[in-house]
PDB file of all heavy atoms in Angstrom:
ATOM      1  N   GLY A   1      -5.100  17.849  18.910  1.00  0.00           N
ATOM      2  CA  GLY A   1      -4.560  17.715  17.546  1.00  0.00           C
ATOM      3  C   GLY A   1      -3.653  16.559  17.381  1.00  0.00           C
ATOM      4  O   GLY A   1      -3.640  15.874  16.370  1.00  0.00           O
ATOM      5  N   ALA A   2      -2.826  16.279  18.388  1.00  0.00           N
ATOM      6  CA  ALA A   2      -1.945  15.135  18.358  1.00  0.00           C
ATOM      7  C   ALA A   2      -2.721  13.826  18.349  1.00  0.00           C
ATOM      8  O   ALA A   2      -2.305  12.861  17.716  1.00  0.00           O
ATOM      9  CB  ALA A   2      -0.978  15.207  19.559  1.00  0.00           C
ATOM     10  N   LEU A   3      -3.821  13.754  19.065  1.00  0.00           N
ATOM     11  CA  LEU A   3      -4.619  12.550  19.070  1.00  0.00           C
ATOM     12  C   LEU A   3      -5.289  12.288  17.719  1.00  0.00           C
ATOM     13  O   LEU A   3      -5.549  11.167  17.362  1.00  0.00           O
ATOM     14  CB  LEU A   3      -5.635  12.604  20.184  1.00  0.00           C
ATOM     15  CG  LEU A   3      -5.087  12.596  21.606  1.00  0.00           C
ATOM     16  CD1 LEU A   3      -6.194  12.781  22.639  1.00  0.00           C
ATOM     17  CD2 LEU A   3      -4.352  11.289  21.866  1.00  0.00           C
ATOM     18  N   ARG A   4      -5.596  13.367  16.958  1.00  0.00           N
ATOM     19  CA  ARG A   4      -6.217  13.216  15.661  1.00  0.00           C
ATOM     20  C   ARG A   4      -5.251  12.995  14.516  1.00  0.00           C
ATOM     21  O   ARG A   4      -5.579  12.587  13.441  1.00  0.00           O
ATOM     22  CB  ARG A   4      -7.057  14.501  15.331  1.00  0.00           C
ATOM     23  CG  ARG A   4      -8.306  14.617  16.089  1.00  0.00           C
ATOM     24  CD  ARG A   4      -9.214  15.740  15.580  1.00  0.00           C
ATOM     25  NE  ARG A   4      -8.841  16.299  14.321  1.00  0.00           N
ATOM     26  CZ  ARG A   4      -8.701  17.623  14.048  1.00  0.00           C
ATOM     27  NH1 ARG A   4      -9.018  18.468  14.993  1.00  0.00           N
ATOM     28  NH2 ARG A   4      -8.399  18.040  12.874  1.00  0.00           N
ATOM     29  N   ALA A   5      -3.939  13.255  14.797  1.00  0.00           N
ATOM     30  CA  ALA A   5      -2.933  13.183  13.760  1.00  0.00           C
ATOM     31  C   ALA A   5      -2.849  11.853  13.019  1.00  0.00           C
ATOM     32  O   ALA A   5      -2.740  11.830  11.807  1.00  0.00           O
ATOM     33  CB  ALA A   5      -1.559  13.573  14.316  1.00  0.00           C
ATOM     34  N   PRO A   6      -2.838  10.728  13.716  1.00  0.00           N
ATOM     35  CA  PRO A   6      -2.684   9.475  12.985  1.00  0.00           C
ATOM     36  C   PRO A   6      -3.783   9.213  11.930  1.00  0.00           C
ATOM     37  O   PRO A   6      -3.483   8.761  10.819  1.00  0.00           O
ATOM     38  CB  PRO A   6      -2.746   8.358  14.069  1.00  0.00           C
ATOM     39  CG  PRO A   6      -2.302   9.080  15.278  1.00  0.00           C
ATOM     40  CD  PRO A   6      -2.808  10.475  15.155  1.00  0.00           C
ATOM     41  N   SER A   7      -5.019   9.592  12.208  1.00  0.00           N
ATOM     42  CA  SER A   7      -6.052   9.410  11.244  1.00  0.00           C
ATOM     43  C   SER A   7      -5.969  10.420  10.085  1.00  0.00           C
ATOM     44  O   SER A   7      -6.387  10.090   8.965  1.00  0.00           O
ATOM     45  CB  SER A   7      -7.448   9.521  11.912  1.00  0.00           C
ATOM     46  OG  SER A   7      -7.664  10.798  12.402  1.00  0.00           O
ATOM     47  N   LEU A   8      -5.419  11.577  10.321  1.00  0.00           N
ATOM     48  CA  LEU A   8      -5.287  12.567   9.272  1.00  0.00           C
ATOM     49  C   LEU A   8      -4.079  12.331   8.381  1.00  0.00           C
ATOM     50  O   LEU A   8      -4.056  12.764   7.258  1.00  0.00           O
ATOM     51  CB  LEU A   8      -5.154  13.977   9.930  1.00  0.00           C
ATOM     52  CG  LEU A   8      -6.402  14.457  10.662  1.00  0.00           C
ATOM     53  CD1 LEU A   8      -6.042  15.785  11.372  1.00  0.00           C
ATOM     54  CD2 LEU A   8      -7.559  14.605   9.773  1.00  0.00           C
ATOM     55  N   LEU A   9      -3.054  11.653   8.905  1.00  0.00           N
ATOM     56  CA  LEU A   9      -1.852  11.431   8.146  1.00  0.00           C
ATOM     57  C   LEU A   9      -1.870  10.168   7.296  1.00  0.00           C
ATOM     58  O   LEU A   9      -0.937   9.918   6.538  1.00  0.00           O
ATOM     59  CB  LEU A   9      -0.626  11.361   9.087  1.00  0.00           C
ATOM     60  CG  LEU A   9      -0.346  12.640   9.847  1.00  0.00           C
ATOM     61  CD1 LEU A   9       0.807  12.452  10.836  1.00  0.00           C
ATOM     62  CD2 LEU A   9      -0.003  13.728   8.867  1.00  0.00           C
ATOM     63  N   PHE A  10      -2.907   9.371   7.408  1.00  0.00           N
ATOM     64  CA  PHE A  10      -3.020   8.128   6.635  1.00  0.00           C
ATOM     65  C   PHE A  10      -3.204   8.483   5.176  1.00  0.00           C
ATOM     66  O   PHE A  10      -3.989   9.339   4.821  1.00  0.00           O
ATOM     67  CB  PHE A  10      -4.171   7.246   7.147  1.00  0.00           C
ATOM     68  CG  PHE A  10      -4.279   5.992   6.382  1.00  0.00           C
ATOM     69  CD1 PHE A  10      -3.404   4.928   6.635  1.00  0.00           C
ATOM     70  CD2 PHE A  10      -5.256   5.798   5.408  1.00  0.00           C
ATOM     71  CE1 PHE A  10      -3.481   3.772   5.924  1.00  0.00           C
ATOM     72  CE2 PHE A  10      -5.361   4.585   4.732  1.00  0.00           C
ATOM     73  CZ  PHE A  10      -4.466   3.589   4.947  1.00  0.00           C
ATOM     74  N   SER A  11      -2.448   7.848   4.297  1.00  0.00           N
ATOM     75  CA  SER A  11      -2.566   8.114   2.876  1.00  0.00           C
ATOM     76  C   SER A  11      -2.887   6.802   2.137  1.00  0.00           C
ATOM     77  O   SER A  11      -2.950   5.729   2.718  1.00  0.00           O
ATOM     78  CB  SER A  11      -1.306   8.760   2.311  1.00  0.00           C
ATOM     79  OG  SER A  11      -0.246   7.842   2.455  1.00  0.00           O
ATOM     80  N   GLY A  12      -2.996   6.917   0.881  1.00  0.00           N
ATOM     81  CA  GLY A  12      -3.258   5.714   0.026  1.00  0.00           C
ATOM     82  C   GLY A  12      -2.040   4.818  -0.106  1.00  0.00           C
ATOM     83  O   GLY A  12      -1.033   5.036   0.553  1.00  0.00           O
ATOM     84  N   THR A  13      -2.120   3.846  -0.979  1.00  0.00           N
ATOM     85  CA  THR A  13      -1.036   2.907  -1.118  1.00  0.00           C
ATOM     86  C   THR A  13       0.130   3.477  -1.936  1.00  0.00           C
ATOM     87  O   THR A  13       1.232   3.008  -1.825  1.00  0.00           O
ATOM     88  CB  THR A  13      -1.531   1.666  -1.821  1.00  0.00           C
ATOM     89  OG1 THR A  13      -2.010   1.986  -3.104  1.00  0.00           O
ATOM     90  CG2 THR A  13      -2.599   0.981  -1.015  1.00  0.00           C
ATOM     91  N   GLY A  14      -0.161   4.470  -2.815  1.00  0.00           N
ATOM     92  CA  GLY A  14       0.869   4.975  -3.638  1.00  0.00           C
ATOM     93  C   GLY A  14       1.190   4.128  -4.838  1.00  0.00           C
ATOM     94  O   GLY A  14       2.189   4.372  -5.527  1.00  0.00           O
ATOM     95  N   ASP A  15       0.354   3.158  -5.114  1.00  0.00           N
ATOM     96  CA  ASP A  15       0.568   2.285  -6.259  1.00  0.00           C
ATOM     97  C   ASP A  15       0.361   3.044  -7.568  1.00  0.00           C
ATOM     98  O   ASP A  15      -0.519   3.865  -7.708  1.00  0.00           O
ATOM     99  CB  ASP A  15      -0.413   1.107  -6.231  1.00  0.00           C
ATOM    100  CG  ASP A  15      -0.156   0.128  -5.094  1.00  0.00           C
ATOM    101  OD1 ASP A  15       1.019   0.164  -4.583  1.00  0.00           O
ATOM    102  OD2 ASP A  15      -1.036  -0.552  -4.681  1.00  0.00           O
ATOM    103  N   ILE A  16       1.216   2.732  -8.526  1.00  0.00           N
ATOM    104  CA  ILE A  16       1.073   3.246  -9.866  1.00  0.00           C
ATOM    105  C   ILE A  16       0.712   2.090 -10.767  1.00  0.00           C
ATOM    106  O   ILE A  16       1.531   1.194 -10.955  1.00  0.00           O
ATOM    107  CB  ILE A  16       2.371   3.941 -10.363  1.00  0.00           C
ATOM    108  CG1 ILE A  16       2.803   5.074  -9.426  1.00  0.00           C
ATOM    109  CG2 ILE A  16       2.279   4.384 -11.780  1.00  0.00           C
ATOM    110  CD1 ILE A  16       4.129   5.658  -9.664  1.00  0.00           C
ATOM    111  N   ALA A  17      -0.487   2.131 -11.248  1.00  0.00           N
ATOM    112  CA  ALA A  17      -0.993   1.010 -12.069  1.00  0.00           C
ATOM    113  C   ALA A  17      -0.079   0.746 -13.254  1.00  0.00           C
ATOM    114  O   ALA A  17       0.422   1.698 -13.907  1.00  0.00           O
ATOM    115  CB  ALA A  17      -2.416   1.312 -12.516  1.00  0.00           C
ATOM    116  N   HIS A  18       0.120  -0.515 -13.586  1.00  0.00           N
ATOM    117  CA  HIS A  18       0.892  -0.996 -14.720  1.00  0.00           C
ATOM    118  C   HIS A  18       2.402  -0.696 -14.596  1.00  0.00           C
ATOM    119  O   HIS A  18       3.113  -0.777 -15.598  1.00  0.00           O
ATOM    120  CB  HIS A  18       0.345  -0.422 -16.056  1.00  0.00           C
ATOM    121  CG  HIS A  18      -1.124  -0.644 -16.220  1.00  0.00           C
ATOM    122  ND1 HIS A  18      -1.664  -1.929 -16.337  1.00  0.00           N
ATOM    123  CD2 HIS A  18      -2.156   0.192 -16.277  1.00  0.00           C
ATOM    124  CE1 HIS A  18      -2.985  -1.773 -16.475  1.00  0.00           C
ATOM    125  NE2 HIS A  18      -3.293  -0.514 -16.414  1.00  0.00           N
ATOM    126  N   SER A  19       2.863  -0.351 -13.411  1.00  0.00           N
ATOM    127  CA  SER A  19       4.291  -0.131 -13.243  1.00  0.00           C
ATOM    128  C   SER A  19       4.919  -1.460 -12.813  1.00  0.00           C
ATOM    129  O   SER A  19       4.292  -2.356 -12.359  1.00  0.00           O
ATOM    130  CB  SER A  19       4.527   0.916 -12.142  1.00  0.00           C
ATOM    131  OG  SER A  19       4.186   0.418 -10.845  1.00  0.00           O
ATOM    132  N   PRO A  20       6.244  -1.590 -13.031  1.00  0.00           N
ATOM    133  CA  PRO A  20       6.908  -2.801 -12.601  1.00  0.00           C
ATOM    134  C   PRO A  20       6.739  -3.099 -11.134  1.00  0.00           C
ATOM    135  O   PRO A  20       6.593  -4.259 -10.742  1.00  0.00           O
ATOM    136  CB  PRO A  20       8.419  -2.556 -12.959  1.00  0.00           C
ATOM    137  CG  PRO A  20       8.354  -1.511 -14.065  1.00  0.00           C
ATOM    138  CD  PRO A  20       7.148  -0.662 -13.730  1.00  0.00           C
ATOM    139  N   SER A  21       6.826  -2.095 -10.305  1.00  0.00           N
ATOM    140  CA  SER A  21       6.662  -2.343  -8.891  1.00  0.00           C
ATOM    141  C   SER A  21       5.263  -2.784  -8.514  1.00  0.00           C
ATOM    142  O   SER A  21       5.082  -3.625  -7.646  1.00  0.00           O
ATOM    143  CB  SER A  21       7.003  -1.046  -8.088  1.00  0.00           C
ATOM    144  OG  SER A  21       6.131   0.017  -8.411  1.00  0.00           O
ATOM    145  N   PHE A  22       4.280  -2.300  -9.205  1.00  0.00           N
ATOM    146  CA  PHE A  22       2.909  -2.715  -8.991  1.00  0.00           C
ATOM    147  C   PHE A  22       2.719  -4.205  -9.411  1.00  0.00           C
ATOM    148  O   PHE A  22       2.081  -4.992  -8.683  1.00  0.00           O
ATOM    149  CB  PHE A  22       1.896  -1.865  -9.751  1.00  0.00           C
ATOM    150  CG  PHE A  22       0.462  -2.198  -9.510  1.00  0.00           C
ATOM    151  CD1 PHE A  22      -0.156  -1.817  -8.327  1.00  0.00           C
ATOM    152  CD2 PHE A  22      -0.269  -2.881 -10.450  1.00  0.00           C
ATOM    153  CE1 PHE A  22      -1.480  -2.076  -8.069  1.00  0.00           C
ATOM    154  CE2 PHE A  22      -1.577  -3.207 -10.177  1.00  0.00           C
ATOM    155  CZ  PHE A  22      -2.202  -2.823  -9.001  1.00  0.00           C
ATOM    156  N   ARG A  23       3.288  -4.604 -10.531  1.00  0.00           N
ATOM    157  CA  ARG A  23       3.178  -5.982 -10.966  1.00  0.00           C
ATOM    158  C   ARG A  23       3.971  -6.890  -9.995  1.00  0.00           C
ATOM    159  O   ARG A  23       3.478  -7.965  -9.646  1.00  0.00           O
ATOM    160  CB  ARG A  23       3.791  -6.130 -12.371  1.00  0.00           C
ATOM    161  CG  ARG A  23       2.868  -5.548 -13.461  1.00  0.00           C
ATOM    162  CD  ARG A  23       3.297  -5.955 -14.838  1.00  0.00           C
ATOM    163  NE  ARG A  23       4.646  -5.497 -15.183  1.00  0.00           N
ATOM    164  CZ  ARG A  23       4.860  -4.341 -15.746  1.00  0.00           C
ATOM    165  NH1 ARG A  23       3.908  -3.502 -16.037  1.00  0.00           N
ATOM    166  NH2 ARG A  23       6.136  -3.974 -16.016  1.00  0.00           N
ATOM    167  N   THR A  24       5.132  -6.449  -9.517  1.00  0.00           N
ATOM    168  CA  THR A  24       5.903  -7.244  -8.575  1.00  0.00           C
ATOM    169  C   THR A  24       5.126  -7.392  -7.270  1.00  0.00           C
ATOM    170  O   THR A  24       5.060  -8.475  -6.682  1.00  0.00           O
ATOM    171  CB  THR A  24       7.246  -6.600  -8.269  1.00  0.00           C
ATOM    172  OG1 THR A  24       7.937  -6.432  -9.497  1.00  0.00           O
ATOM    173  CG2 THR A  24       8.066  -7.370  -7.329  1.00  0.00           C
ATOM    174  N   ASP A  25       4.516  -6.334  -6.766  1.00  0.00           N
ATOM    175  CA  ASP A  25       3.702  -6.380  -5.581  1.00  0.00           C
ATOM    176  C   ASP A  25       2.569  -7.309  -5.714  1.00  0.00           C
ATOM    177  O   ASP A  25       2.236  -8.084  -4.816  1.00  0.00           O
ATOM    178  CB  ASP A  25       3.231  -4.989  -5.200  1.00  0.00           C
ATOM    179  CG  ASP A  25       2.597  -4.952  -3.844  1.00  0.00           C
ATOM    180  OD1 ASP A  25       3.210  -5.435  -2.849  1.00  0.00           O
ATOM    181  OD2 ASP A  25       1.446  -4.435  -3.748  1.00  0.00           O
ATOM    182  N   SER A  26       1.915  -7.323  -6.836  1.00  0.00           N
ATOM    183  CA  SER A  26       0.795  -8.278  -7.126  1.00  0.00           C
ATOM    184  C   SER A  26       1.298  -9.690  -7.119  1.00  0.00           C
ATOM    185  O   SER A  26       0.623 -10.589  -6.531  1.00  0.00           O
ATOM    186  CB  SER A  26       0.117  -7.918  -8.467  1.00  0.00           C
ATOM    187  OG  SER A  26      -0.346  -6.648  -8.458  1.00  0.00           O
ATOM    188  N   LEU A  27       2.414  -9.969  -7.720  1.00  0.00           N
ATOM    189  CA  LEU A  27       2.961 -11.333  -7.710  1.00  0.00           C
ATOM    190  C   LEU A  27       3.323 -11.776  -6.315  1.00  0.00           C
ATOM    191  O   LEU A  27       3.080 -12.915  -5.898  1.00  0.00           O
ATOM    192  CB  LEU A  27       4.185 -11.424  -8.648  1.00  0.00           C
ATOM    193  CG  LEU A  27       3.914 -11.285 -10.124  1.00  0.00           C
ATOM    194  CD1 LEU A  27       5.191 -11.177 -10.898  1.00  0.00           C
ATOM    195  CD2 LEU A  27       3.095 -12.468 -10.636  1.00  0.00           C
ATOM    196  N   LEU A  28       3.958 -10.911  -5.560  1.00  0.00           N
ATOM    197  CA  LEU A  28       4.336 -11.246  -4.198  1.00  0.00           C
ATOM    198  C   LEU A  28       3.086 -11.524  -3.309  1.00  0.00           C
ATOM    199  O   LEU A  28       3.071 -12.387  -2.476  1.00  0.00           O
ATOM    200  CB  LEU A  28       5.174 -10.116  -3.546  1.00  0.00           C
ATOM    201  CG  LEU A  28       6.600 -10.051  -4.105  1.00  0.00           C
ATOM    202  CD1 LEU A  28       7.268  -8.813  -3.539  1.00  0.00           C
ATOM    203  CD2 LEU A  28       7.399 -11.254  -3.702  1.00  0.00           C
ATOM    204  N   ARG A  29       2.057 -10.679  -3.504  1.00  0.00           N
ATOM    205  CA  ARG A  29       0.798 -10.909  -2.693  1.00  0.00           C
ATOM    206  C   ARG A  29       0.176 -12.188  -3.051  1.00  0.00           C
ATOM    207  O   ARG A  29      -0.425 -12.856  -2.236  1.00  0.00           O
ATOM    208  CB  ARG A  29      -0.112  -9.716  -2.910  1.00  0.00           C
ATOM    209  CG  ARG A  29       0.282  -8.474  -2.196  1.00  0.00           C
ATOM    210  CD  ARG A  29      -0.776  -7.385  -2.399  1.00  0.00           C
ATOM    211  NE  ARG A  29      -0.338  -6.172  -1.823  1.00  0.00           N
ATOM    212  CZ  ARG A  29      -0.350  -5.905  -0.517  1.00  0.00           C
ATOM    213  NH1 ARG A  29      -0.885  -6.743   0.311  1.00  0.00           N
ATOM    214  NH2 ARG A  29       0.064  -4.717  -0.079  1.00  0.00           N
ATOM    215  N   ALA A  30       0.241 -12.614  -4.322  1.00  0.00           N
ATOM    216  CA  ALA A  30      -0.378 -13.851  -4.783  1.00  0.00           C
ATOM    217  C   ALA A  30       0.379 -15.050  -4.207  1.00  0.00           C
ATOM    218  O   ALA A  30      -0.243 -16.058  -3.819  1.00  0.00           O
ATOM    219  CB  ALA A  30      -0.425 -13.936  -6.304  1.00  0.00           C
ATOM    220  N   ASP A  31       1.705 -14.963  -4.145  1.00  0.00           N
ATOM    221  CA  ASP A  31       2.525 -16.085  -3.624  1.00  0.00           C
ATOM    222  C   ASP A  31       2.624 -16.156  -2.169  1.00  0.00           C
ATOM    223  O   ASP A  31       2.747 -17.214  -1.560  1.00  0.00           O
ATOM    224  CB  ASP A  31       3.906 -16.060  -4.292  1.00  0.00           C
ATOM    225  CG  ASP A  31       3.888 -16.378  -5.770  1.00  0.00           C
ATOM    226  OD1 ASP A  31       2.900 -16.999  -6.223  1.00  0.00           O
ATOM    227  OD2 ASP A  31       4.826 -16.038  -6.471  1.00  0.00           O
ATOM    228  N   PHE A  32       2.634 -15.016  -1.455  1.00  0.00           N
ATOM    229  CA  PHE A  32       2.809 -14.962  -0.027  1.00  0.00           C
ATOM    230  C   PHE A  32       1.628 -14.218   0.616  1.00  0.00           C
ATOM    231  O   PHE A  32       1.649 -12.985   0.698  1.00  0.00           O
ATOM    232  CB  PHE A  32       4.092 -14.219   0.324  1.00  0.00           C
ATOM    233  CG  PHE A  32       5.349 -14.857  -0.306  1.00  0.00           C
ATOM    234  CD1 PHE A  32       5.880 -14.287  -1.435  1.00  0.00           C
ATOM    235  CD2 PHE A  32       5.919 -16.005   0.255  1.00  0.00           C
ATOM    236  CE1 PHE A  32       7.001 -14.856  -2.021  1.00  0.00           C
ATOM    237  CE2 PHE A  32       6.987 -16.580  -0.316  1.00  0.00           C
ATOM    238  CZ  PHE A  32       7.578 -16.004  -1.454  1.00  0.00           C
ATOM    239  N   GLU A  33       0.635 -14.967   1.026  1.00  0.00           N
ATOM    240  CA  GLU A  33      -0.578 -14.355   1.598  1.00  0.00           C
ATOM    241  C   GLU A  33      -0.291 -13.863   3.006  1.00  0.00           C
ATOM    242  O   GLU A  33      -0.029 -14.628   3.890  1.00  0.00           O
ATOM    243  CB  GLU A  33      -1.693 -15.341   1.615  1.00  0.00           C
ATOM    244  CG  GLU A  33      -2.128 -15.753   0.210  1.00  0.00           C
ATOM    245  CD  GLU A  33      -3.275 -16.795   0.231  1.00  0.00           C
ATOM    246  OE1 GLU A  33      -3.963 -16.835   1.304  1.00  0.00           O
ATOM    247  OE2 GLU A  33      -3.443 -17.451  -0.751  1.00  0.00           O
ATOM    248  N   ASN A  34      -0.327 -12.566   3.186  1.00  0.00           N
ATOM    249  CA  ASN A  34      -0.154 -11.931   4.480  1.00  0.00           C
ATOM    250  C   ASN A  34      -0.979 -10.647   4.472  1.00  0.00           C
ATOM    251  O   ASN A  34      -0.578  -9.616   3.954  1.00  0.00           O
ATOM    252  CB  ASN A  34       1.343 -11.609   4.730  1.00  0.00           C
ATOM    253  CG  ASN A  34       1.541 -11.082   6.130  1.00  0.00           C
ATOM    254  OD1 ASN A  34       0.580 -10.838   6.899  1.00  0.00           O
ATOM    255  ND2 ASN A  34       2.791 -10.849   6.538  1.00  0.00           N
ATOM    256  N   PRO A  35      -2.182 -10.698   5.069  1.00  0.00           N
ATOM    257  CA  PRO A  35      -3.046  -9.524   5.020  1.00  0.00           C
ATOM    258  C   PRO A  35      -2.646  -8.348   5.919  1.00  0.00           C
ATOM    259  O   PRO A  35      -3.220  -7.272   5.917  1.00  0.00           O
ATOM    260  CB  PRO A  35      -4.408 -10.079   5.463  1.00  0.00           C
ATOM    261  CG  PRO A  35      -3.997 -11.206   6.350  1.00  0.00           C
ATOM    262  CD  PRO A  35      -2.759 -11.790   5.771  1.00  0.00           C
TER     263      PRO A  35
END
């Protein structure tokens, strides 16, 4: 179970569309490319 835990605990980004934080994140990703 411990070996499977990392794959089970992964979640989405938590982004809320059209929120200020989402817009800021989009601007930062456009200016500073770091995949």
